[in-house]
Amino acid sequence: MKQVIIALFVLASTSAFAQKQFSKNEVSFNGFRNPSIGLEYRHQNISVHAGYYITAFEKGVTTKFIKTGATVWFCPVGKKANPSSFYAGASWLRGLNLDYKNENALGMEAGFRWMVWKGLNLRIGAIGVAAKGHDLKINPTPGISYSIFF
């Protein structure tokens, strides 16, 4: 896992990410699962987020976490002022209930953010959640957010 996190930040520093195509700063109000129900701040192609994360590792069973982490944005798509793009990130999760209550976990996720209209955006991706004493869990991570760019 440590190597994956290092690789993400090395990739972020390369010229392949064309930082000039992303707005300089962005604040997102995330209303559903991806990256969490909370706030996210992006500077060029790196963002940090924190919030409440819910997922269903089993049908009909909701597992709840506090989640915080960092994301790298790359390969902007289109010519809009605020383009759609791919992302990859790493997060720390703290379990709030069930088998994960008071336990730490590591989340690694990747996906695509589609800028629908002005600041409205949708995300689709996948997360792998790893925690000591638990099997690796992989789940889809849909999301909806509204972003303000400055």
C-alpha atoms as a PDB file:
ATOM      1  CA  MET A   1       0.000   0.000   0.000  1.00  0.00           C
ATOM      2  CA  LYS A   2       2.815   2.375   0.875  1.00  0.00           C
ATOM      3  CA  GLN A   3       4.242   1.993  -2.643  1.00  0.00           C
ATOM      4  CA  VAL A   4       0.860   2.811  -4.210  1.00  0.00           C
ATOM      5  CA  ILE A   5       0.548   6.033  -2.195  1.00  0.00           C
ATOM      6  CA  ILE A   6       4.090   7.055  -3.134  1.00  0.00           C
ATOM      7  CA  ALA A   7       3.369   6.288  -6.795  1.00  0.00           C
ATOM      8  CA  LEU A   8       0.249   8.502  -6.738  1.00  0.00           C
ATOM      9  CA  PHE A   9       2.205  11.493  -5.491  1.00  0.00           C
ATOM     10  CA  VAL A  10       5.087  10.897  -7.908  1.00  0.00           C
ATOM     11  CA  LEU A  11       2.600  10.823 -10.774  1.00  0.00           C
ATOM     12  CA  ALA A  12       1.024  14.041  -9.506  1.00  0.00           C
ATOM     13  CA  SER A  13       4.326  15.852  -9.819  1.00  0.00           C
ATOM     14  CA  THR A  14       4.937  14.914 -13.451  1.00  0.00           C
ATOM     15  CA  SER A  15       4.148  17.167 -16.388  1.00  0.00           C
ATOM     16  CA  ALA A  16       1.680  14.600 -17.749  1.00  0.00           C
ATOM     17  CA  PHE A  17      -0.994  16.071 -15.506  1.00  0.00           C
ATOM     18  CA  ALA A  18      -1.164  19.442 -17.297  1.00  0.00           C
ATOM     19  CA  GLN A  19      -2.085  21.456 -14.209  1.00  0.00           C
ATOM     20  CA  LYS A  20      -2.929  24.476 -16.341  1.00  0.00           C
ATOM     21  CA  GLN A  21      -6.103  22.694 -17.528  1.00  0.00           C
ATOM     22  CA  PHE A  22      -7.536  22.509 -14.007  1.00  0.00           C
ATOM     23  CA  SER A  23      -8.790  25.572 -12.160  1.00  0.00           C
ATOM     24  CA  LYS A  24      -6.406  26.738  -9.465  1.00  0.00           C
ATOM     25  CA  ASN A  25      -8.758  26.092  -6.504  1.00  0.00           C
ATOM     26  CA  GLU A  26     -12.043  24.289  -5.944  1.00  0.00           C
ATOM     27  CA  VAL A  27     -14.284  23.558  -2.965  1.00  0.00           C
ATOM     28  CA  SER A  28     -16.779  20.714  -3.360  1.00  0.00           C
ATOM     29  CA  PHE A  29     -19.827  19.947  -1.273  1.00  0.00           C
ATOM     30  CA  ASN A  30     -20.178  16.175  -1.592  1.00  0.00           C
ATOM     31  CA  GLY A  31     -23.687  14.844  -1.083  1.00  0.00           C
ATOM     32  CA  PHE A  32     -23.218  11.116  -1.527  1.00  0.00           C
ATOM     33  CA  ARG A  33     -20.669   8.373  -1.003  1.00  0.00           C
ATOM     34  CA  ASN A  34     -17.770   9.528  -3.217  1.00  0.00           C
ATOM     35  CA  PRO A  35     -15.420  10.503  -1.685  1.00  0.00           C
ATOM     36  CA  SER A  36     -17.681  11.002   1.367  1.00  0.00           C
ATOM     37  CA  ILE A  37     -20.619  13.099   2.539  1.00  0.00           C
ATOM     38  CA  GLY A  38     -18.612  16.169   3.398  1.00  0.00           C
ATOM     39  CA  LEU A  39     -16.173  18.711   1.999  1.00  0.00           C
ATOM     40  CA  GLU A  40     -13.277  18.553  -0.428  1.00  0.00           C
ATOM     41  CA  TYR A  41     -10.671  21.157  -1.325  1.00  0.00           C
ATOM     42  CA  ARG A  42      -8.646  20.873  -4.542  1.00  0.00           C
ATOM     43  CA  HIS A  43      -5.574  22.926  -5.468  1.00  0.00           C
ATOM     44  CA  GLN A  44      -4.670  22.359  -9.145  1.00  0.00           C
ATOM     45  CA  ASN A  45      -4.611  18.554  -9.415  1.00  0.00           C
ATOM     46  CA  ILE A  46      -4.390  17.495  -5.730  1.00  0.00           C
ATOM     47  CA  SER A  47      -7.339  17.471  -3.326  1.00  0.00           C
ATOM     48  CA  VAL A  48      -8.025  16.606   0.309  1.00  0.00           C
ATOM     49  CA  HIS A  49     -11.389  15.561   1.697  1.00  0.00           C
ATOM     50  CA  ALA A  50     -13.128  14.694   4.965  1.00  0.00           C
ATOM     51  CA  GLY A  51     -16.594  13.464   5.818  1.00  0.00           C
ATOM     52  CA  TYR A  52     -19.006  10.669   6.620  1.00  0.00           C
ATOM     53  CA  TYR A  53     -18.772   7.556   4.421  1.00  0.00           C
ATOM     54  CA  ILE A  54     -21.381   4.803   4.169  1.00  0.00           C
ATOM     55  CA  THR A  55     -21.155   1.599   2.177  1.00  0.00           C
ATOM     56  CA  ALA A  56     -22.794  -1.812   1.931  1.00  0.00           C
ATOM     57  CA  PHE A  57     -20.281  -4.649   2.060  1.00  0.00           C
ATOM     58  CA  GLU A  58     -23.250  -7.002   2.394  1.00  0.00           C
ATOM     59  CA  LYS A  59     -26.715  -6.585   0.895  1.00  0.00           C
ATOM     60  CA  GLY A  60     -28.982  -4.721   3.310  1.00  0.00           C
ATOM     61  CA  VAL A  61     -26.206  -3.952   5.823  1.00  0.00           C
ATOM     62  CA  THR A  62     -24.823  -0.384   5.996  1.00  0.00           C
ATOM     63  CA  THR A  63     -21.313   0.074   7.340  1.00  0.00           C
ATOM     64  CA  LYS A  64     -20.449   3.627   8.452  1.00  0.00           C
ATOM     65  CA  PHE A  65     -17.085   5.377   8.616  1.00  0.00           C
ATOM     66  CA  ILE A  66     -15.435   8.736   9.126  1.00  0.00           C
ATOM     67  CA  LYS A  67     -13.183   9.204   6.088  1.00  0.00           C
ATOM     68  CA  THR A  68     -10.345  11.569   5.212  1.00  0.00           C
ATOM     69  CA  GLY A  69      -7.770  11.416   2.459  1.00  0.00           C
ATOM     70  CA  ALA A  70      -6.082  12.810  -0.623  1.00  0.00           C
ATOM     71  CA  THR A  71      -6.832  12.506  -4.336  1.00  0.00           C
ATOM     72  CA  VAL A  72      -4.801  13.058  -7.492  1.00  0.00           C
ATOM     73  CA  TRP A  73      -6.686  14.336 -10.571  1.00  0.00           C
ATOM     74  CA  PHE A  74      -5.381  13.564 -14.062  1.00  0.00           C
ATOM     75  CA  CYS A  75      -6.191  13.262 -17.776  1.00  0.00           C
ATOM     76  CA  PRO A  76      -8.711  16.135 -18.063  1.00  0.00           C
ATOM     77  CA  VAL A  77     -11.327  15.470 -20.735  1.00  0.00           C
ATOM     78  CA  GLY A  78     -12.845  18.170 -22.941  1.00  0.00           C
ATOM     79  CA  LYS A  79     -12.225  21.861 -23.383  1.00  0.00           C
ATOM     80  CA  LYS A  80     -14.489  23.254 -20.646  1.00  0.00           C
ATOM     81  CA  ALA A  81     -13.042  25.708 -18.123  1.00  0.00           C
ATOM     82  CA  ASN A  82     -13.560  22.973 -15.500  1.00  0.00           C
ATOM     83  CA  PRO A  83     -13.038  19.669 -17.329  1.00  0.00           C
ATOM     84  CA  SER A  84     -14.156  16.169 -16.436  1.00  0.00           C
ATOM     85  CA  SER A  85     -11.222  13.991 -15.359  1.00  0.00           C
ATOM     86  CA  PHE A  86      -9.972  10.760 -13.884  1.00  0.00           C
ATOM     87  CA  TYR A  87      -8.870  10.452 -10.249  1.00  0.00           C
ATOM     88  CA  ALA A  88      -7.063   8.106  -7.852  1.00  0.00           C
ATOM     89  CA  GLY A  89      -6.844   8.504  -4.113  1.00  0.00           C
ATOM     90  CA  ALA A  90      -5.979   7.075  -0.729  1.00  0.00           C
ATOM     91  CA  SER A  91      -8.006   7.501   2.457  1.00  0.00           C
ATOM     92  CA  TRP A  92      -7.973   6.688   6.153  1.00  0.00           C
ATOM     93  CA  LEU A  93     -11.304   5.360   7.440  1.00  0.00           C
ATOM     94  CA  ARG A  94     -12.452   4.994  11.049  1.00  0.00           C
ATOM     95  CA  GLY A  95     -15.300   2.533  11.600  1.00  0.00           C
ATOM     96  CA  LEU A  96     -18.385   3.739  13.429  1.00  0.00           C
ATOM     97  CA  ASN A  97     -20.470   0.556  13.590  1.00  0.00           C
ATOM     98  CA  LEU A  98     -20.720  -3.197  13.086  1.00  0.00           C
ATOM     99  CA  ASP A  99     -17.510  -5.210  12.501  1.00  0.00           C
ATOM    100  CA  TYR A 100     -15.469  -2.048  11.869  1.00  0.00           C
ATOM    101  CA  LYS A 101     -16.513  -0.138  15.012  1.00  0.00           C
ATOM    102  CA  ASN A 102     -13.498   1.794  16.417  1.00  0.00           C
ATOM    103  CA  GLU A 103     -11.187   0.182  13.828  1.00  0.00           C
ATOM    104  CA  ASN A 104      -8.948   1.863  11.252  1.00  0.00           C
ATOM    105  CA  ALA A 105      -8.954   0.984   7.575  1.00  0.00           C
ATOM    106  CA  LEU A 106      -7.177   2.083   4.417  1.00  0.00           C
ATOM    107  CA  GLY A 107      -9.184   2.941   1.303  1.00  0.00           C
ATOM    108  CA  MET A 108      -7.735   3.106  -2.222  1.00  0.00           C
ATOM    109  CA  GLU A 109     -10.037   4.368  -4.949  1.00  0.00           C
ATOM    110  CA  ALA A 110     -10.055   5.319  -8.605  1.00  0.00           C
ATOM    111  CA  GLY A 111     -12.664   6.527 -11.051  1.00  0.00           C
ATOM    112  CA  PHE A 112     -13.988   9.297 -13.266  1.00  0.00           C
ATOM    113  CA  ARG A 113     -15.700  12.630 -12.469  1.00  0.00           C
ATOM    114  CA  TRP A 114     -18.105  13.963 -15.087  1.00  0.00           C
ATOM    115  CA  MET A 115     -18.698  17.716 -14.944  1.00  0.00           C
ATOM    116  CA  VAL A 116     -22.389  17.771 -15.852  1.00  0.00           C
ATOM    117  CA  TRP A 117     -23.294  21.471 -15.746  1.00  0.00           C
ATOM    118  CA  LYS A 118     -21.486  24.419 -14.177  1.00  0.00           C
ATOM    119  CA  GLY A 119     -20.474  23.093 -10.706  1.00  0.00           C
ATOM    120  CA  LEU A 120     -22.683  19.979 -10.686  1.00  0.00           C
ATOM    121  CA  ASN A 121     -20.659  16.798 -11.093  1.00  0.00           C
ATOM    122  CA  LEU A 122     -21.151  13.046 -10.867  1.00  0.00           C
ATOM    123  CA  ARG A 123     -18.524  10.461  -9.993  1.00  0.00           C
ATOM    124  CA  ILE A 124     -18.279   6.752 -10.611  1.00  0.00           C
ATOM    125  CA  GLY A 125     -15.444   4.665  -9.310  1.00  0.00           C
ATOM    126  CA  ALA A 126     -14.429   1.789  -7.087  1.00  0.00           C
ATOM    127  CA  ILE A 127     -12.830   1.568  -3.650  1.00  0.00           C
ATOM    128  CA  GLY A 128     -10.820  -1.165  -2.010  1.00  0.00           C
ATOM    129  CA  VAL A 129     -11.078  -1.137   1.789  1.00  0.00           C
ATOM    130  CA  ALA A 130      -8.396  -2.973   3.751  1.00  0.00           C
ATOM    131  CA  ALA A 131      -8.428  -3.396   7.522  1.00  0.00           C
ATOM    132  CA  LYS A 132      -6.522  -5.651   9.891  1.00  0.00           C
ATOM    133  CA  GLY A 133      -8.493  -8.818  10.568  1.00  0.00           C
ATOM    134  CA  HIS A 134     -10.882  -8.270   7.615  1.00  0.00           C
ATOM    135  CA  ASP A 135     -10.871  -9.447   4.021  1.00  0.00           C
ATOM    136  CA  LEU A 136     -10.243  -6.823   1.345  1.00  0.00           C
ATOM    137  CA  LYS A 137     -13.596  -5.369   0.287  1.00  0.00           C
ATOM    138  CA  ILE A 138     -14.129  -3.771  -3.138  1.00  0.00           C
ATOM    139  CA  ASN A 139     -17.228  -1.670  -3.766  1.00  0.00           C
ATOM    140  CA  PRO A 140     -18.545   0.784  -6.364  1.00  0.00           C
ATOM    141  CA  THR A 141     -18.419   4.447  -5.328  1.00  0.00           C
ATOM    142  CA  PRO A 142     -21.008   6.637  -7.038  1.00  0.00           C
ATOM    143  CA  GLY A 143     -21.118  10.266  -5.995  1.00  0.00           C
ATOM    144  CA  ILE A 144     -22.770  13.613  -6.594  1.00  0.00           C
ATOM    145  CA  SER A 145     -21.192  16.964  -5.742  1.00  0.00           C
ATOM    146  CA  TYR A 146     -21.447  20.670  -6.345  1.00  0.00           C
ATOM    147  CA  SER A 147     -18.182  22.553  -6.803  1.00  0.00           C
ATOM    148  CA  ILE A 148     -17.234  26.212  -6.550  1.00  0.00           C
ATOM    149  CA  PHE A 149     -14.135  27.220  -8.537  1.00  0.00           C
ATOM    150  CA  PHE A 150     -11.850  30.154  -7.769  1.00  0.00           C
END
